[in-house]
Amino acid sequence: MDSTSEDIDRHRRLFFGAAAVAAAAAQLGMIGSAAAQSGETKAARLPAIKPGTNTSLGPIRQIDAGVLNVGYAEAGPANAPVVLLLHGWPYDIHSYVDVAPLLASAGYRVIIPHLRGYGTTRFLSREAIRNGQPSALAADTIALMDALKIDRATVAGYDWGARTADIMAALWPERCKALVSVSGYLIGNQEAGKNPLPPKAELEWWYQFYFATERGRAGYAKYTHDFAKLIWQIASPKWRFDDATFDRSAAALDNPDHVAITIHNYRWRLGLADGERKYDDLEKRLAAAPVITVPTITMEGDANGAPHPEPSAYAKKFSGQYSHRTIKGGVGHNLPQEAPQAFAEAVLAVAEA
């Protein structure tokens, strides 16, 4: 194992408004015409936005896709290039409440799905295994693209969403035009998850060991919102979010499958829970730590309180056009919600690469 793989293994278990959208869409023609004449990039033309400006992503749509009925928000023109925005744990689609109108104003169709176990996303079968393994979440997103008849998209995410986006880019590069991944290369496997870390590093994963117990499952089920708020505070120690901001996202955690999906995800990482056999081939390919070939920008906040690898640990895992951006100003783990301007600029820059 080379030094890059060792560093990635060491940090393997990462933590995981409607009016604004309408206004942005109304400006598309004017902005596009001005840009054509000026030669400016779309990223340079983004209007300035203050985090927390918007509070709504508009109505939630539903579509059957794979094993799920997926709830998702959408912004921008229907026939435009697509950007898929994937959220993390324990957050939801509101992480992109300010990013979506920015991307829509630049002429992109923006799709923001609730991952399995969040919001209005539901399993189509009561008998379906409430599986949280990472390859299943990536397969869900490919199924969503199929259902929406989307051939290729720029995929962007953080936390579970970044891991999902990384897997999509590694296993289905033909479906991914480009990638934005907060905290870089997050593809792991069960064997790596069994390797012990130094005590200080293990301490940062206290909740993972809590979830490995029945007491932890029961505790998360009983105190889901309190637990999520604590994670938000630890992961973004300088983000002064208010109760209304938290409550909008916490509502998505009331999904009837959320606790089961969360517990299974973390137990699977430690090799304490089995996955589904239909994902075995995908997991075998992921265990080889495949290099990602699509154009990529990785990002990190300068105040990320969650465990995360250093950019130097994963830079060699991206063989295509690649750059890294560290966002300063006390930006924590939920980078798109804390620094929407910077996140949207990265998406546009890599989408136009």
Protein backbone atom coordinates (compact mmCIF):
# COMPACT_ATOMS: atom_id res chain seq x y z
CA MET A 1 0.00 0.00 0.00
CA ASP A 2 1.48 3.37 -0.99
CA SER A 3 1.52 6.42 1.31
CA THR A 4 -1.55 7.92 -0.34
CA SER A 5 -3.57 4.77 0.33
CA GLU A 6 -2.33 4.67 3.92
CA ASP A 7 -3.46 8.22 4.55
CA ILE A 8 -6.84 7.54 2.96
CA ASP A 9 -7.21 4.39 5.05
CA ARG A 10 -6.29 6.30 8.20
CA HIS A 11 -9.09 8.74 7.60
CA ARG A 12 -11.43 6.24 5.98
CA ARG A 13 -14.51 6.76 8.15
CA LEU A 14 -15.52 10.29 7.33
CA PHE A 15 -18.60 11.79 8.92
CA PHE A 16 -20.23 11.17 7.31
CA GLY A 17 -35.92 29.47 -1.77
CA ALA A 18 -38.58 28.90 -4.33
CA ALA A 19 -38.79 32.60 -4.99
CA ALA A 20 -35.08 32.87 -5.50
CA VAL A 21 -35.10 30.00 -7.96
CA ALA A 22 -37.91 31.55 -9.96
CA ALA A 23 -36.12 34.88 -10.06
CA ALA A 24 -32.91 33.20 -11.17
CA ALA A 25 -34.67 31.35 -13.95
CA ALA A 26 -36.30 34.55 -15.16
CA GLN A 27 -32.86 36.10 -15.58
CA LEU A 28 -31.38 33.27 -17.62
CA GLY A 29 -31.84 34.80 -21.03
CA MET A 30 -30.39 38.16 -20.06
CA ILE A 31 -27.38 36.64 -18.29
CA GLY A 32 -26.65 34.21 -21.10
CA SER A 33 -26.72 36.95 -23.72
CA ALA A 34 -24.44 39.21 -21.72
CA ALA A 35 -21.96 36.39 -21.13
CA ALA A 36 -21.78 35.48 -24.80
CA GLN A 37 -20.75 39.03 -25.61
CA SER A 38 -18.30 39.43 -22.75
CA GLY A 39 -16.66 36.00 -22.79
CA GLU A 40 -16.90 35.77 -19.00
CA THR A 41 -17.09 32.38 -17.32
CA LYS A 42 -20.33 31.50 -15.60
CA ALA A 43 -18.55 31.26 -12.27
CA ALA A 44 -17.40 34.87 -12.58
CA ARG A 45 -20.95 35.98 -13.32
CA LEU A 46 -22.60 34.45 -10.26
CA PRO A 47 -24.50 37.01 -8.21
CA ALA A 48 -23.25 37.50 -4.67
CA ILE A 49 -25.29 35.67 -2.08
CA LYS A 50 -25.20 35.62 1.71
CA PRO A 51 -25.49 32.18 3.34
CA GLY A 52 -29.01 31.70 4.65
CA THR A 53 -30.61 34.01 2.09
CA ASN A 54 -33.06 31.31 0.99
CA THR A 55 -35.18 29.01 3.13
CA SER A 56 -36.98 26.86 0.55
CA LEU A 57 -36.14 24.73 -2.48
CA GLY A 58 -39.70 24.81 -3.70
CA PRO A 59 -42.07 21.85 -4.10
CA ILE A 60 -40.71 18.33 -3.71
CA ARG A 61 -41.25 16.01 -6.66
CA GLN A 62 -41.47 12.22 -6.51
CA ILE A 63 -40.37 9.55 -8.98
CA ASP A 64 -39.92 5.77 -8.90
CA ALA A 65 -36.24 4.94 -9.42
CA GLY A 66 -34.72 1.53 -8.79
CA VAL A 67 -35.83 0.25 -5.38
CA LEU A 68 -37.00 3.69 -4.25
CA ASN A 69 -39.62 6.34 -4.74
CA VAL A 70 -37.28 9.33 -4.60
CA GLY A 71 -38.20 12.77 -3.34
CA TYR A 72 -36.20 15.53 -4.98
CA ALA A 73 -36.09 19.27 -5.55
CA GLU A 74 -35.41 20.76 -8.95
CA ALA A 75 -34.38 24.18 -10.22
CA GLY A 76 -33.44 25.67 -13.57
CA PRO A 77 -34.51 24.96 -17.16
CA ALA A 78 -35.54 21.36 -17.91
CA ASN A 79 -33.46 21.06 -21.08
CA ALA A 80 -30.22 22.43 -19.61
CA PRO A 81 -27.02 20.60 -18.58
CA VAL A 82 -27.62 18.77 -15.29
CA VAL A 83 -25.98 19.15 -11.90
CA LEU A 84 -26.76 16.57 -9.22
CA LEU A 85 -26.25 17.78 -5.64
CA LEU A 86 -25.96 15.09 -2.96
CA HIS A 87 -26.31 15.76 0.77
CA GLY A 88 -24.67 14.16 3.78
CA TRP A 89 -25.50 12.81 7.25
CA PRO A 90 -27.20 14.07 9.34
CA TYR A 91 -28.26 16.86 6.99
CA ASP A 92 -30.64 17.03 4.02
CA ILE A 93 -31.32 18.79 0.72
CA HIS A 94 -31.45 22.21 2.45
CA SER A 95 -27.66 22.14 2.44
CA TYR A 96 -28.10 23.41 -1.13
CA VAL A 97 -30.83 25.97 -0.50
CA ASP A 98 -28.55 28.82 -1.60
CA VAL A 99 -26.45 26.86 -4.11
CA ALA A 100 -29.40 25.76 -6.26
CA PRO A 101 -30.61 29.23 -7.33
CA LEU A 102 -27.03 30.24 -8.14
CA LEU A 103 -26.58 27.27 -10.47
CA ALA A 104 -30.04 27.75 -11.97
CA SER A 105 -29.22 31.39 -12.69
CA ALA A 106 -26.15 30.21 -14.60
CA GLY A 107 -28.29 28.03 -16.87
CA TYR A 108 -28.13 24.60 -15.24
CA ARG A 109 -30.82 22.10 -14.37
CA VAL A 110 -30.26 21.30 -10.71
CA ILE A 111 -31.50 18.04 -9.14
CA ILE A 112 -31.26 17.59 -5.35
CA PRO A 113 -32.51 14.19 -4.14
CA HIS A 114 -33.24 13.02 -0.63
CA LEU A 115 -30.96 10.01 -0.14
CA ARG A 116 -32.49 6.74 1.02
CA GLY A 117 -33.66 7.20 4.59
CA TYR A 118 -34.28 10.94 4.29
CA GLY A 119 -37.23 13.22 3.63
CA THR A 120 -39.90 11.88 1.31
CA THR A 121 -37.77 9.13 -0.24
CA ARG A 122 -39.29 5.69 0.44
CA PHE A 123 -38.59 2.07 -0.44
CA LEU A 124 -41.05 0.63 -2.94
CA SER A 125 -41.15 -2.67 -1.06
CA ARG A 126 -41.75 -3.23 2.64
CA GLU A 127 -39.46 -6.25 2.40
CA ALA A 128 -36.50 -4.31 0.99
CA ILE A 129 -33.37 -4.45 3.13
CA ARG A 130 -32.77 -1.09 4.78
CA ASN A 131 -29.23 -1.08 3.46
CA GLY A 132 -26.92 1.88 4.03
CA GLN A 133 -23.80 0.58 2.30
CA PRO A 134 -22.18 3.25 0.11
CA SER A 135 -22.43 1.36 -3.18
CA ALA A 136 -26.21 1.10 -2.71
CA LEU A 137 -26.52 4.88 -2.41
CA ALA A 138 -24.48 5.35 -5.56
CA ALA A 139 -26.63 2.81 -7.42
CA ASP A 140 -29.71 4.73 -6.21
CA THR A 141 -28.42 7.90 -7.86
CA ILE A 142 -27.68 6.16 -11.15
CA ALA A 143 -31.23 4.74 -11.03
CA LEU A 144 -32.55 8.27 -10.45
CA MET A 145 -30.66 9.52 -13.50
CA ASP A 146 -32.17 6.68 -15.53
CA ALA A 147 -35.67 7.48 -14.29
CA LEU A 148 -35.24 11.16 -15.18
CA LYS A 149 -33.65 10.23 -18.54
CA ILE A 150 -30.41 12.01 -17.67
CA ASP A 151 -27.43 10.56 -19.57
CA ARG A 152 -24.66 12.60 -17.92
CA ALA A 153 -24.42 15.06 -15.08
CA THR A 154 -21.93 17.02 -13.06
CA VAL A 155 -22.10 15.42 -9.61
CA ALA A 156 -21.25 17.26 -6.40
CA GLY A 157 -21.51 16.48 -2.71
CA TYR A 158 -20.10 16.45 0.80
CA ASP A 159 -19.99 13.77 3.51
CA TRP A 160 -22.17 10.79 2.43
CA GLY A 161 -22.96 12.79 -0.70
CA ALA A 162 -19.27 13.20 -1.58
CA ARG A 163 -18.66 9.49 -1.06
CA THR A 164 -21.64 8.71 -3.29
CA ALA A 165 -20.41 11.12 -5.96
CA ASP A 166 -16.89 9.64 -5.79
CA ILE A 167 -18.24 6.13 -6.28
CA MET A 168 -20.36 7.23 -9.22
CA ALA A 169 -17.38 8.89 -10.89
CA ALA A 170 -15.18 5.84 -10.26
CA LEU A 171 -17.63 3.14 -11.38
CA TRP A 172 -19.75 5.01 -13.93
CA PRO A 173 -17.44 7.67 -15.43
CA GLU A 174 -19.51 7.72 -18.60
CA ARG A 175 -22.43 9.09 -16.56
CA CYS A 176 -20.40 11.79 -14.79
CA LYS A 177 -19.30 14.85 -16.74
CA ALA A 178 -17.38 16.24 -13.77
CA LEU A 179 -17.10 15.98 -9.99
CA VAL A 180 -16.95 18.27 -6.95
CA SER A 181 -16.09 16.38 -3.77
CA VAL A 182 -15.74 17.96 -0.34
CA SER A 183 -12.95 16.22 1.60
CA GLY A 184 -11.75 14.52 -1.55
CA TYR A 185 -11.49 10.79 -2.16
CA LEU A 186 -13.80 9.02 0.29
CA ILE A 187 -14.07 5.56 -1.25
CA GLY A 188 -13.46 2.88 1.38
CA ASN A 189 -14.16 -0.79 2.02
CA GLN A 190 -14.95 -3.15 4.87
CA GLU A 191 -11.46 -4.61 5.16
CA ALA A 192 -9.94 -1.16 5.57
CA GLY A 193 -12.66 -0.36 8.08
CA LYS A 194 -11.47 -3.15 10.35
CA ASN A 195 -8.00 -1.68 10.78
CA PRO A 196 -7.47 0.07 14.14
CA LEU A 197 -6.47 3.73 14.27
CA PRO A 198 -4.38 5.50 16.92
CA PRO A 199 -6.42 6.31 20.05
CA LYS A 200 -6.81 10.01 19.29
CA ALA A 201 -8.16 9.22 15.83
CA GLU A 202 -10.51 6.57 17.21
CA LEU A 203 -11.89 9.11 19.69
CA GLU A 204 -13.16 11.22 16.80
CA TRP A 205 -15.33 8.27 15.74
CA TRP A 206 -17.10 7.87 19.09
CA TYR A 207 -20.55 7.82 17.47
CA GLN A 208 -19.53 5.00 15.13
CA PHE A 209 -18.81 2.73 18.08
CA TYR A 210 -21.99 3.92 19.80
CA PHE A 211 -23.98 2.90 16.74
CA ALA A 212 -22.37 -0.55 16.85
CA THR A 213 -24.35 -1.30 20.02
CA GLU A 214 -28.06 -1.87 20.60
CA ARG A 215 -27.95 0.96 23.12
CA GLY A 216 -26.65 3.23 20.36
CA ARG A 217 -29.40 2.23 17.96
CA ALA A 218 -32.04 2.84 20.58
CA GLY A 219 -30.41 6.12 21.62
CA TYR A 220 -30.27 7.44 18.07
CA ALA A 221 -33.90 6.45 17.53
CA LYS A 222 -34.96 8.24 20.72
CA TYR A 223 -32.81 11.36 20.36
CA THR A 224 -32.41 11.70 16.59
CA HIS A 225 -32.77 15.49 16.44
CA ASP A 226 -30.63 16.11 19.53
CA PHE A 227 -27.95 13.81 18.15
CA ALA A 228 -27.99 15.51 14.76
CA LYS A 229 -27.68 18.97 16.30
CA LEU A 230 -24.66 17.84 18.32
CA ILE A 231 -23.00 16.51 15.16
CA TRP A 232 -23.71 19.80 13.37
CA GLN A 233 -22.04 21.71 16.22
CA ILE A 234 -18.99 19.44 16.41
CA ALA A 235 -18.51 19.25 12.64
CA SER A 236 -18.90 23.00 12.07
CA PRO A 237 -17.72 24.64 15.30
CA LYS A 238 -17.74 28.17 13.86
CA TRP A 239 -21.08 27.95 12.03
CA ARG A 240 -23.70 29.88 14.00
CA PHE A 241 -26.81 28.27 12.51
CA ASP A 242 -30.14 29.15 14.12
CA ASP A 243 -32.90 26.81 15.26
CA ALA A 244 -35.02 27.47 12.17
CA THR A 245 -32.16 26.43 9.88
CA PHE A 246 -31.59 23.24 11.82
CA ASP A 247 -35.28 22.38 12.12
CA ARG A 248 -35.83 22.63 8.35
CA SER A 249 -33.23 19.92 7.78
CA ALA A 250 -33.99 17.85 10.87
CA ALA A 251 -37.52 17.23 9.59
CA ALA A 252 -35.98 14.99 6.90
CA LEU A 253 -34.59 12.72 9.62
CA ASP A 254 -38.13 11.72 10.61
CA ASN A 255 -38.16 9.36 7.62
CA PRO A 256 -39.26 5.91 8.90
CA ASP A 257 -36.12 4.28 7.48
CA HIS A 258 -33.60 6.88 8.63
CA VAL A 259 -32.40 5.19 11.81
CA ALA A 260 -32.08 1.77 10.17
CA ILE A 261 -30.15 3.20 7.19
CA THR A 262 -27.81 5.18 9.44
CA ILE A 263 -27.07 2.31 11.80
CA HIS A 264 -26.51 -0.12 8.93
CA ASN A 265 -24.14 2.28 7.17
CA TYR A 266 -21.80 2.61 10.13
CA ARG A 267 -22.00 -1.05 11.15
CA TRP A 268 -21.29 -2.09 7.55
CA ARG A 269 -18.15 0.08 7.49
CA LEU A 270 -16.81 -1.80 10.52
CA GLY A 271 -17.70 -5.18 9.06
CA LEU A 272 -20.40 -5.70 11.68
CA ALA A 273 -23.27 -5.90 9.19
CA ASP A 274 -23.59 -7.63 5.85
CA GLY A 275 -24.41 -5.83 2.63
CA GLU A 276 -26.59 -7.14 -0.17
CA ARG A 277 -25.08 -9.69 -2.51
CA LYS A 278 -26.22 -7.74 -5.57
CA TYR A 279 -23.65 -5.07 -4.70
CA ASP A 280 -20.76 -7.51 -4.23
CA ASP A 281 -19.22 -6.81 -7.63
CA LEU A 282 -19.36 -3.08 -7.06
CA GLU A 283 -17.74 -3.46 -3.64
CA LYS A 284 -15.00 -5.64 -5.11
CA ARG A 285 -14.18 -2.94 -7.63
CA LEU A 286 -14.26 -0.24 -4.94
CA ALA A 287 -11.95 -2.25 -2.68
CA ALA A 288 -9.24 -1.75 -5.30
CA ALA A 289 -9.44 2.04 -4.66
CA PRO A 290 -10.04 2.94 -8.32
CA VAL A 291 -8.61 6.16 -9.68
CA ILE A 292 -11.17 8.80 -10.69
CA THR A 293 -10.63 10.04 -14.24
CA VAL A 294 -13.32 12.72 -14.71
CA PRO A 295 -12.50 16.44 -14.22
CA THR A 296 -12.58 17.09 -10.48
CA ILE A 297 -12.36 19.85 -7.92
CA THR A 298 -11.97 18.79 -4.30
CA MET A 299 -12.77 21.21 -1.49
CA GLU A 300 -12.27 21.62 2.24
CA GLY A 301 -13.41 24.15 4.80
CA ASP A 302 -10.73 25.63 7.03
CA ALA A 303 -12.78 24.85 10.17
CA ASN A 304 -14.03 21.35 9.42
CA GLY A 305 -14.47 19.72 12.81
CA ALA A 306 -15.19 16.26 11.36
CA PRO A 307 -12.36 13.79 10.71
CA HIS A 308 -11.05 14.34 7.21
CA PRO A 309 -7.92 13.51 5.21
CA GLU A 310 -5.39 16.09 4.11
CA PRO A 311 -5.66 17.03 0.41
CA SER A 312 -2.16 15.66 -0.21
CA ALA A 313 -3.39 12.22 0.86
CA TYR A 314 -5.79 11.88 -2.05
CA ALA A 315 -4.57 14.13 -4.86
CA LYS A 316 -3.09 11.19 -6.79
CA LYS A 317 -6.46 9.43 -6.81
CA PHE A 318 -7.64 11.90 -9.48
CA SER A 319 -5.99 11.41 -12.86
CA GLY A 320 -8.04 13.84 -14.94
CA GLN A 321 -8.05 17.62 -14.80
CA TYR A 322 -7.84 18.30 -11.08
CA SER A 323 -7.51 21.08 -8.52
CA HIS A 324 -8.18 21.58 -4.82
CA ARG A 325 -9.74 24.57 -3.06
CA THR A 326 -9.55 25.30 0.67
CA ILE A 327 -12.32 27.68 1.70
CA LYS A 328 -11.38 30.05 4.50
CA GLY A 329 -13.46 32.06 6.93
CA GLY A 330 -14.42 29.47 9.54
CA VAL A 331 -16.15 27.11 7.09
CA GLY A 332 -17.01 23.72 8.55
CA HIS A 333 -18.22 20.32 7.40
CA ASN A 334 -21.45 21.39 5.69
CA LEU A 335 -19.53 23.43 3.13
CA PRO A 336 -22.31 24.08 0.56
CA GLN A 337 -24.63 25.60 3.16
CA GLU A 338 -21.92 27.51 4.97
CA ALA A 339 -20.16 28.77 1.82
CA PRO A 340 -22.69 28.49 -1.05
CA GLN A 341 -20.92 31.00 -3.28
CA ALA A 342 -17.63 29.10 -3.18
CA PHE A 343 -19.35 25.75 -3.71
CA ALA A 344 -21.38 26.99 -6.69
CA GLU A 345 -18.28 28.54 -8.24
CA ALA A 346 -16.46 25.22 -7.98
CA VAL A 347 -19.35 23.37 -9.61
CA LEU A 348 -19.45 25.79 -12.52
CA ALA A 349 -15.69 25.80 -12.94
CA VAL A 350 -15.44 22.02 -13.20
CA ALA A 351 -18.63 21.70 -15.28
CA GLU A 352 -17.10 24.03 -17.87
CA ALA A 353 -13.66 22.41 -17.80
